[in-house]
Amino acid sequence: MKFSPRTQTSNDSNVGRGLDLALVTLVFLGLGYVLDRILDTKPVFMIALFVFAVIGQFVKMWLGYDAKMKVLEAERAESSRSKAVVR
């Protein structure tokens, strides 16, 4: 049995996006924890910064997805126009 290596067609990585989501969320969670300890508050900052980080990461993913889809739609429209001209 011969295994062929996987080839990635684009240079964006889902693993990288997942790692970015996890690390940014953990950093903001840790920052909230530190602020709560310094200011002697309940986990207000920890919860607020966690929610802020998660919402920010999902907005970032949505905007990246939307931009990529617009590029792909433009390429597809151009491709169909060029095929119509050739015929």
PDB file of N, CA and C in Angstrom:
ATOM      1  N   MET A   1       0.839  -1.161   0.000  1.00  0.00           N
ATOM      2  CA  MET A   1       0.000   0.000   0.000  1.00  0.00           C
ATOM      3  C   MET A   1       0.893   1.236   0.000  1.00  0.00           C
ATOM      4  N   LYS A   2       0.586   2.148  -0.890  1.00  0.00           N
ATOM      5  CA  LYS A   2       1.386   3.352  -1.009  1.00  0.00           C
ATOM      6  C   LYS A   2       0.547   4.549  -0.547  1.00  0.00           C
ATOM      7  N   PHE A   3       1.134   5.340   0.336  1.00  0.00           N
ATOM      8  CA  PHE A   3       0.452   6.527   0.823  1.00  0.00           C
ATOM      9  C   PHE A   3       0.989   7.746   0.094  1.00  0.00           C
ATOM     10  N   SER A   4       0.088   8.558  -0.393  1.00  0.00           N
ATOM     11  CA  SER A   4       0.521   9.796  -1.038  1.00  0.00           C
ATOM     12  C   SER A   4       0.391  10.945  -0.045  1.00  0.00           C
ATOM     13  N   PRO A   5       1.336  11.846  -0.061  1.00  0.00           N
ATOM     14  CA  PRO A   5       1.269  12.955   0.894  1.00  0.00           C
ATOM     15  C   PRO A   5       0.132  13.910   0.554  1.00  0.00           C
ATOM     16  N   ARG A   6      -0.405  14.520   1.576  1.00  0.00           N
ATOM     17  CA  ARG A   6      -1.450  15.516   1.369  1.00  0.00           C
ATOM     18  C   ARG A   6      -0.820  16.804   0.861  1.00  0.00           C
ATOM     19  N   THR A   7      -1.497  17.419  -0.042  1.00  0.00           N
ATOM     20  CA  THR A   7      -1.041  18.725  -0.489  1.00  0.00           C
ATOM     21  C   THR A   7      -2.093  19.745  -0.106  1.00  0.00           C
ATOM     22  N   GLN A   8      -1.628  20.857   0.412  1.00  0.00           N
ATOM     23  CA  GLN A   8      -2.549  21.902   0.822  1.00  0.00           C
ATOM     24  C   GLN A   8      -2.662  22.900  -0.314  1.00  0.00           C
ATOM     25  N   THR A   9      -3.893  23.194  -0.728  1.00  0.00           N
ATOM     26  CA  THR A   9      -4.092  24.062  -1.878  1.00  0.00           C
ATOM     27  C   THR A   9      -3.969  25.535  -1.534  1.00  0.00           C
ATOM     28  N   SER A  10      -4.178  25.894  -0.287  1.00  0.00           N
ATOM     29  CA  SER A  10      -4.036  27.292   0.101  1.00  0.00           C
ATOM     30  C   SER A  10      -3.099  27.383   1.292  1.00  0.00           C
ATOM     31  N   ASN A  11      -2.663  28.570   1.591  1.00  0.00           N
ATOM     32  CA  ASN A  11      -1.681  28.723   2.650  1.00  0.00           C
ATOM     33  C   ASN A  11      -2.318  29.151   3.973  1.00  0.00           C
ATOM     34  N   ASP A  12      -3.639  28.979   4.130  1.00  0.00           N
ATOM     35  CA  ASP A  12      -4.244  29.231   5.429  1.00  0.00           C
ATOM     36  C   ASP A  12      -4.439  27.907   6.149  1.00  0.00           C
ATOM     37  N   SER A  13      -4.346  27.963   7.468  1.00  0.00           N
ATOM     38  CA  SER A  13      -4.357  26.727   8.241  1.00  0.00           C
ATOM     39  C   SER A  13      -5.453  26.771   9.295  1.00  0.00           C
ATOM     40  N   ASN A  14      -6.291  25.760   9.300  1.00  0.00           N
ATOM     41  CA  ASN A  14      -7.336  25.670  10.314  1.00  0.00           C
ATOM     42  C   ASN A  14      -6.745  25.411  11.690  1.00  0.00           C
ATOM     43  N   VAL A  15      -5.639  24.690  11.750  1.00  0.00           N
ATOM     44  CA  VAL A  15      -4.981  24.435  13.024  1.00  0.00           C
ATOM     45  C   VAL A  15      -4.461  25.753  13.604  1.00  0.00           C
ATOM     46  N   GLY A  16      -3.909  26.583  12.764  1.00  0.00           N
ATOM     47  CA  GLY A  16      -3.417  27.880  13.207  1.00  0.00           C
ATOM     48  C   GLY A  16      -4.535  28.769  13.727  1.00  0.00           C
ATOM     49  N   ARG A  17      -5.664  28.743  13.044  1.00  0.00           N
ATOM     50  CA  ARG A  17      -6.810  29.537  13.512  1.00  0.00           C
ATOM     51  C   ARG A  17      -7.321  29.021  14.845  1.00  0.00           C
ATOM     52  N   GLY A  18      -7.378  27.717  15.006  1.00  0.00           N
ATOM     53  CA  GLY A  18      -7.827  27.141  16.275  1.00  0.00           C
ATOM     54  C   GLY A  18      -6.877  27.457  17.409  1.00  0.00           C
ATOM     55  N   LEU A  19      -5.587  27.382  17.123  1.00  0.00           N
ATOM     56  CA  LEU A  19      -4.586  27.710  18.132  1.00  0.00           C
ATOM     57  C   LEU A  19      -4.660  29.184  18.500  1.00  0.00           C
ATOM     58  N   ASP A  20      -4.876  30.034  17.521  1.00  0.00           N
ATOM     59  CA  ASP A  20      -5.025  31.467  17.768  1.00  0.00           C
ATOM     60  C   ASP A  20      -6.233  31.728  18.657  1.00  0.00           C
ATOM     61  N   LEU A  21      -7.345  31.069  18.370  1.00  0.00           N
ATOM     62  CA  LEU A  21      -8.553  31.224  19.176  1.00  0.00           C
ATOM     63  C   LEU A  21      -8.290  30.810  20.623  1.00  0.00           C
ATOM     64  N   ALA A  22      -7.654  29.682  20.813  1.00  0.00           N
ATOM     65  CA  ALA A  22      -7.402  29.168  22.163  1.00  0.00           C
ATOM     66  C   ALA A  22      -6.413  30.043  22.929  1.00  0.00           C
ATOM     67  N   LEU A  23      -5.314  30.441  22.290  1.00  0.00           N
ATOM     68  CA  LEU A  23      -4.296  31.211  22.992  1.00  0.00           C
ATOM     69  C   LEU A  23      -4.765  32.615  23.344  1.00  0.00           C
ATOM     70  N   VAL A  24      -5.440  33.280  22.424  1.00  0.00           N
ATOM     71  CA  VAL A  24      -5.937  34.626  22.721  1.00  0.00           C
ATOM     72  C   VAL A  24      -6.949  34.568  23.858  1.00  0.00           C
ATOM     73  N   THR A  25      -7.822  33.571  23.831  1.00  0.00           N
ATOM     74  CA  THR A  25      -8.809  33.423  24.893  1.00  0.00           C
ATOM     75  C   THR A  25      -8.125  33.165  26.233  1.00  0.00           C
ATOM     76  N   LEU A  26      -7.124  32.324  26.242  1.00  0.00           N
ATOM     77  CA  LEU A  26      -6.407  32.046  27.489  1.00  0.00           C
ATOM     78  C   LEU A  26      -5.654  33.272  28.002  1.00  0.00           C
ATOM     79  N   VAL A  27      -5.067  34.044  27.114  1.00  0.00           N
ATOM     80  CA  VAL A  27      -4.344  35.256  27.535  1.00  0.00           C
ATOM     81  C   VAL A  27      -5.308  36.252  28.171  1.00  0.00           C
ATOM     82  N   PHE A  28      -6.463  36.465  27.541  1.00  0.00           N
ATOM     83  CA  PHE A  28      -7.426  37.400  28.111  1.00  0.00           C
ATOM     84  C   PHE A  28      -8.009  36.864  29.414  1.00  0.00           C
ATOM     85  N   LEU A  29      -8.215  35.571  29.502  1.00  0.00           N
ATOM     86  CA  LEU A  29      -8.701  34.959  30.729  1.00  0.00           C
ATOM     87  C   LEU A  29      -7.676  35.150  31.852  1.00  0.00           C
ATOM     88  N   GLY A  30      -6.409  34.936  31.540  1.00  0.00           N
ATOM     89  CA  GLY A  30      -5.338  35.143  32.526  1.00  0.00           C
ATOM     90  C   GLY A  30      -5.206  36.598  32.934  1.00  0.00           C
ATOM     91  N   LEU A  31      -5.331  37.497  31.977  1.00  0.00           N
ATOM     92  CA  LEU A  31      -5.268  38.923  32.284  1.00  0.00           C
ATOM     93  C   LEU A  31      -6.421  39.324  33.206  1.00  0.00           C
ATOM     94  N   GLY A  32      -7.605  38.797  32.946  1.00  0.00           N
ATOM     95  CA  GLY A  32      -8.746  39.054  33.821  1.00  0.00           C
ATOM     96  C   GLY A  32      -8.522  38.509  35.213  1.00  0.00           C
ATOM     97  N   TYR A  33      -7.909  37.336  35.310  1.00  0.00           N
ATOM     98  CA  TYR A  33      -7.610  36.747  36.615  1.00  0.00           C
ATOM     99  C   TYR A  33      -6.652  37.630  37.403  1.00  0.00           C
ATOM    100  N   VAL A  34      -5.612  38.102  36.718  1.00  0.00           N
ATOM    101  CA  VAL A  34      -4.629  38.964  37.382  1.00  0.00           C
ATOM    102  C   VAL A  34      -5.287  40.270  37.836  1.00  0.00           C
ATOM    103  N   LEU A  35      -6.095  40.872  36.987  1.00  0.00           N
ATOM    104  CA  LEU A  35      -6.779  42.110  37.375  1.00  0.00           C
ATOM    105  C   LEU A  35      -7.714  41.886  38.561  1.00  0.00           C
ATOM    106  N   ASP A  36      -8.413  40.757  38.573  1.00  0.00           N
ATOM    107  CA  ASP A  36      -9.292  40.461  39.698  1.00  0.00           C
ATOM    108  C   ASP A  36      -8.507  40.278  40.988  1.00  0.00           C
ATOM    109  N   ARG A  37      -7.336  39.680  40.919  1.00  0.00           N
ATOM    110  CA  ARG A  37      -6.497  39.499  42.111  1.00  0.00           C
ATOM    111  C   ARG A  37      -5.951  40.836  42.604  1.00  0.00           C
ATOM    112  N   ILE A  38      -5.491  41.686  41.675  1.00  0.00           N
ATOM    113  CA  ILE A  38      -4.918  42.968  42.055  1.00  0.00           C
ATOM    114  C   ILE A  38      -5.979  43.886  42.648  1.00  0.00           C
ATOM    115  N   LEU A  39      -7.149  43.935  42.025  1.00  0.00           N
ATOM    116  CA  LEU A  39      -8.210  44.843  42.448  1.00  0.00           C
ATOM    117  C   LEU A  39      -9.130  44.225  43.497  1.00  0.00           C
ATOM    118  N   ASP A  40      -8.865  42.977  43.871  1.00  0.00           N
ATOM    119  CA  ASP A  40      -9.637  42.256  44.874  1.00  0.00           C
ATOM    120  C   ASP A  40     -11.135  42.275  44.555  1.00  0.00           C
ATOM    121  N   THR A  41     -11.449  41.904  43.327  1.00  0.00           N
ATOM    122  CA  THR A  41     -12.845  41.832  42.896  1.00  0.00           C
ATOM    123  C   THR A  41     -13.221  40.377  42.678  1.00  0.00           C
ATOM    124  N   LYS A  42     -14.494  40.151  42.533  1.00  0.00           N
ATOM    125  CA  LYS A  42     -14.968  38.825  42.145  1.00  0.00           C
ATOM    126  C   LYS A  42     -14.546  38.618  40.689  1.00  0.00           C
ATOM    127  N   PRO A  43     -14.836  37.486  40.087  1.00  0.00           N
ATOM    128  CA  PRO A  43     -14.322  37.253  38.725  1.00  0.00           C
ATOM    129  C   PRO A  43     -15.000  38.094  37.637  1.00  0.00           C
ATOM    130  N   VAL A  44     -15.184  39.381  37.915  1.00  0.00           N
ATOM    131  CA  VAL A  44     -15.830  40.270  36.957  1.00  0.00           C
ATOM    132  C   VAL A  44     -14.935  40.487  35.737  1.00  0.00           C
ATOM    133  N   PHE A  45     -13.693  40.847  35.975  1.00  0.00           N
ATOM    134  CA  PHE A  45     -12.780  41.108  34.861  1.00  0.00           C
ATOM    135  C   PHE A  45     -12.473  39.826  34.089  1.00  0.00           C
ATOM    136  N   MET A  46     -12.363  38.724  34.800  1.00  0.00           N
ATOM    137  CA  MET A  46     -12.071  37.457  34.135  1.00  0.00           C
ATOM    138  C   MET A  46     -13.201  37.084  33.178  1.00  0.00           C
ATOM    139  N   ILE A  47     -14.430  37.209  33.621  1.00  0.00           N
ATOM    140  CA  ILE A  47     -15.573  36.881  32.763  1.00  0.00           C
ATOM    141  C   ILE A  47     -15.693  37.879  31.617  1.00  0.00           C
ATOM    142  N   ALA A  48     -15.561  39.165  31.934  1.00  0.00           N
ATOM    143  CA  ALA A  48     -15.711  40.197  30.908  1.00  0.00           C
ATOM    144  C   ALA A  48     -14.642  40.073  29.820  1.00  0.00           C
ATOM    145  N   LEU A  49     -13.404  39.875  30.214  1.00  0.00           N
ATOM    146  CA  LEU A  49     -12.335  39.747  29.219  1.00  0.00           C
ATOM    147  C   LEU A  49     -12.432  38.444  28.440  1.00  0.00           C
ATOM    148  N   PHE A  50     -12.904  37.382  29.066  1.00  0.00           N
ATOM    149  CA  PHE A  50     -13.124  36.126  28.359  1.00  0.00           C
ATOM    150  C   PHE A  50     -14.180  36.302  27.263  1.00  0.00           C
ATOM    151  N   VAL A  51     -15.298  36.914  27.623  1.00  0.00           N
ATOM    152  CA  VAL A  51     -16.375  37.141  26.652  1.00  0.00           C
ATOM    153  C   VAL A  51     -15.885  38.060  25.536  1.00  0.00           C
ATOM    154  N   PHE A  52     -15.154  39.113  25.909  1.00  0.00           N
ATOM    155  CA  PHE A  52     -14.596  40.035  24.919  1.00  0.00           C
ATOM    156  C   PHE A  52     -13.675  39.304  23.940  1.00  0.00           C
ATOM    157  N   ALA A  53     -12.828  38.426  24.450  1.00  0.00           N
ATOM    158  CA  ALA A  53     -11.888  37.693  23.600  1.00  0.00           C
ATOM    159  C   ALA A  53     -12.613  36.737  22.665  1.00  0.00           C
ATOM    160  N   VAL A  54     -13.591  36.018  23.172  1.00  0.00           N
ATOM    161  CA  VAL A  54     -14.312  35.051  22.339  1.00  0.00           C
ATOM    162  C   VAL A  54     -15.097  35.767  21.245  1.00  0.00           C
ATOM    163  N   ILE A  55     -15.808  36.826  21.615  1.00  0.00           N
ATOM    164  CA  ILE A  55     -16.562  37.578  20.609  1.00  0.00           C
ATOM    165  C   ILE A  55     -15.617  38.188  19.579  1.00  0.00           C
ATOM    166  N   GLY A  56     -14.512  38.744  20.029  1.00  0.00           N
ATOM    167  CA  GLY A  56     -13.534  39.325  19.108  1.00  0.00           C
ATOM    168  C   GLY A  56     -12.959  38.300  18.147  1.00  0.00           C
ATOM    169  N   GLN A  57     -12.663  37.111  18.632  1.00  0.00           N
ATOM    170  CA  GLN A  57     -12.114  36.071  17.767  1.00  0.00           C
ATOM    171  C   GLN A  57     -13.139  35.600  16.743  1.00  0.00           C
ATOM    172  N   PHE A  58     -14.397  35.482  17.137  1.00  0.00           N
ATOM    173  CA  PHE A  58     -15.411  35.056  16.178  1.00  0.00           C
ATOM    174  C   PHE A  58     -15.684  36.140  15.130  1.00  0.00           C
ATOM    175  N   VAL A  59     -15.635  37.402  15.544  1.00  0.00           N
ATOM    176  CA  VAL A  59     -15.784  38.492  14.577  1.00  0.00           C
ATOM    177  C   VAL A  59     -14.614  38.479  13.599  1.00  0.00           C
ATOM    178  N   LYS A  60     -13.425  38.255  14.117  1.00  0.00           N
ATOM    179  CA  LYS A  60     -12.229  38.176  13.259  1.00  0.00           C
ATOM    180  C   LYS A  60     -12.350  37.022  12.257  1.00  0.00           C
ATOM    181  N   MET A  61     -12.826  35.866  12.728  1.00  0.00           N
ATOM    182  CA  MET A  61     -13.008  34.727  11.820  1.00  0.00           C
ATOM    183  C   MET A  61     -14.074  35.025  10.774  1.00  0.00           C
ATOM    184  N   TRP A  62     -15.163  35.662  11.189  1.00  0.00           N
ATOM    185  CA  TRP A  62     -16.247  35.978  10.252  1.00  0.00           C
ATOM    186  C   TRP A  62     -15.765  36.949   9.174  1.00  0.00           C
ATOM    187  N   LEU A  63     -15.036  37.985   9.571  1.00  0.00           N
ATOM    188  CA  LEU A  63     -14.547  38.962   8.597  1.00  0.00           C
ATOM    189  C   LEU A  63     -13.536  38.322   7.639  1.00  0.00           C
ATOM    190  N   GLY A  64     -12.677  37.435   8.147  1.00  0.00           N
ATOM    191  CA  GLY A  64     -11.741  36.726   7.281  1.00  0.00           C
ATOM    192  C   GLY A  64     -12.452  35.816   6.304  1.00  0.00           C
ATOM    193  N   TYR A  65     -13.466  35.116   6.783  1.00  0.00           N
ATOM    194  CA  TYR A  65     -14.260  34.242   5.916  1.00  0.00           C
ATOM    195  C   TYR A  65     -14.974  35.059   4.847  1.00  0.00           C
ATOM    196  N   ASP A  66     -15.577  36.172   5.245  1.00  0.00           N
ATOM    197  CA  ASP A  66     -16.314  37.012   4.311  1.00  0.00           C
ATOM    198  C   ASP A  66     -15.388  37.571   3.224  1.00  0.00           C
ATOM    199  N   ALA A  67     -14.200  38.012   3.619  1.00  0.00           N
ATOM    200  CA  ALA A  67     -13.242  38.540   2.637  1.00  0.00           C
ATOM    201  C   ALA A  67     -12.799  37.446   1.669  1.00  0.00           C
ATOM    202  N   LYS A  68     -12.551  36.253   2.180  1.00  0.00           N
ATOM    203  CA  LYS A  68     -12.125  35.147   1.315  1.00  0.00           C
ATOM    204  C   LYS A  68     -13.225  34.764   0.332  1.00  0.00           C
ATOM    205  N   MET A  69     -14.468  34.735   0.796  1.00  0.00           N
ATOM    206  CA  MET A  69     -15.582  34.392  -0.088  1.00  0.00           C
ATOM    207  C   MET A  69     -15.778  35.445  -1.173  1.00  0.00           C
ATOM    208  N   LYS A  70     -15.577  36.718  -0.845  1.00  0.00           N
ATOM    209  CA  LYS A  70     -15.693  37.773  -1.856  1.00  0.00           C
ATOM    210  C   LYS A  70     -14.636  37.606  -2.939  1.00  0.00           C
ATOM    211  N   VAL A  71     -13.426  37.238  -2.543  1.00  0.00           N
ATOM    212  CA  VAL A  71     -12.356  37.006  -3.522  1.00  0.00           C
ATOM    213  C   VAL A  71     -12.707  35.813  -4.403  1.00  0.00           C
ATOM    214  N   LEU A  72     -13.171  34.737  -3.792  1.00  0.00           N
ATOM    215  CA  LEU A  72     -13.525  33.548  -4.562  1.00  0.00           C
ATOM    216  C   LEU A  72     -14.698  33.811  -5.503  1.00  0.00           C
ATOM    217  N   GLU A  73     -15.682  34.593  -5.056  1.00  0.00           N
ATOM    218  CA  GLU A  73     -16.810  34.935  -5.918  1.00  0.00           C
ATOM    219  C   GLU A  73     -16.364  35.782  -7.104  1.00  0.00           C
ATOM    220  N   ALA A  74     -15.453  36.713  -6.857  1.00  0.00           N
ATOM    221  CA  ALA A  74     -14.938  37.547  -7.944  1.00  0.00           C
ATOM    222  C   ALA A  74     -14.163  36.698  -8.953  1.00  0.00           C
ATOM    223  N   GLU A  75     -13.351  35.754  -8.458  1.00  0.00           N
ATOM    224  CA  GLU A  75     -12.617  34.863  -9.358  1.00  0.00           C
ATOM    225  C   GLU A  75     -13.578  34.007 -10.178  1.00  0.00           C
ATOM    226  N   ARG A  76     -14.624  33.516  -9.537  1.00  0.00           N
ATOM    227  CA  ARG A  76     -15.598  32.681 -10.243  1.00  0.00           C
ATOM    228  C   ARG A  76     -16.351  33.492 -11.298  1.00  0.00           C
ATOM    229  N   ALA A  77     -16.721  34.719 -10.976  1.00  0.00           N
ATOM    230  CA  ALA A  77     -17.414  35.571 -11.943  1.00  0.00           C
ATOM    231  C   ALA A  77     -16.505  35.886 -13.128  1.00  0.00           C
ATOM    232  N   GLU A  78     -15.246  36.160 -12.845  1.00  0.00           N
ATOM    233  CA  GLU A  78     -14.284  36.443 -13.920  1.00  0.00           C
ATOM    234  C   GLU A  78     -14.075  35.217 -14.801  1.00  0.00           C
ATOM    235  N   SER A  79     -14.017  34.047 -14.173  1.00  0.00           N
ATOM    236  CA  SER A  79     -13.834  32.807 -14.916  1.00  0.00           C
ATOM    237  C   SER A  79     -15.036  32.538 -15.835  1.00  0.00           C
ATOM    238  N   SER A  80     -16.240  32.765 -15.310  1.00  0.00           N
ATOM    239  CA  SER A  80     -17.415  32.516 -16.140  1.00  0.00           C
ATOM    240  C   SER A  80     -17.540  33.546 -17.269  1.00  0.00           C
ATOM    241  N   ARG A  81     -17.106  34.796 -17.017  1.00  0.00           N
ATOM    242  CA  ARG A  81     -17.108  35.797 -18.064  1.00  0.00           C
ATOM    243  C   ARG A  81     -16.122  35.468 -19.181  1.00  0.00           C
ATOM    244  N   SER A  82     -14.942  34.977 -18.776  1.00  0.00           N
ATOM    245  CA  SER A  82     -13.925  34.648 -19.778  1.00  0.00           C
ATOM    246  C   SER A  82     -14.352  33.431 -20.604  1.00  0.00           C
ATOM    247  N   LYS A  83     -15.056  32.485 -19.985  1.00  0.00           N
ATOM    248  CA  LYS A  83     -15.559  31.325 -20.728  1.00  0.00           C
ATOM    249  C   LYS A  83     -16.651  31.723 -21.697  1.00  0.00           C
ATOM    250  N   ALA A  84     -17.483  32.685 -21.317  1.00  0.00           N
ATOM    251  CA  ALA A  84     -18.563  33.149 -22.185  1.00  0.00           C
ATOM    252  C   ALA A  84     -18.001  33.896 -23.385  1.00  0.00           C
ATOM    253  N   VAL A  85     -16.916  34.614 -23.220  1.00  0.00           N
ATOM    254  CA  VAL A  85     -16.297  35.360 -24.315  1.00  0.00           C
ATOM    255  C   VAL A  85     -15.645  34.417 -25.313  1.00  0.00           C
ATOM    256  N   VAL A  86     -15.047  33.324 -24.820  1.00  0.00           N
ATOM    257  CA  VAL A  86     -14.350  32.370 -25.683  1.00  0.00           C
ATOM    258  C   VAL A  86     -15.325  31.642 -26.590  1.00  0.00           C
ATOM    259  N   ARG A  87     -16.488  31.345 -26.114  1.00  0.00           N
ATOM    260  CA  ARG A  87     -17.465  30.588 -26.899  1.00  0.00           C
ATOM    261  C   ARG A  87     -17.934  31.410 -28.005  1.00  0.00           C
TER     262      ARG A  87
END
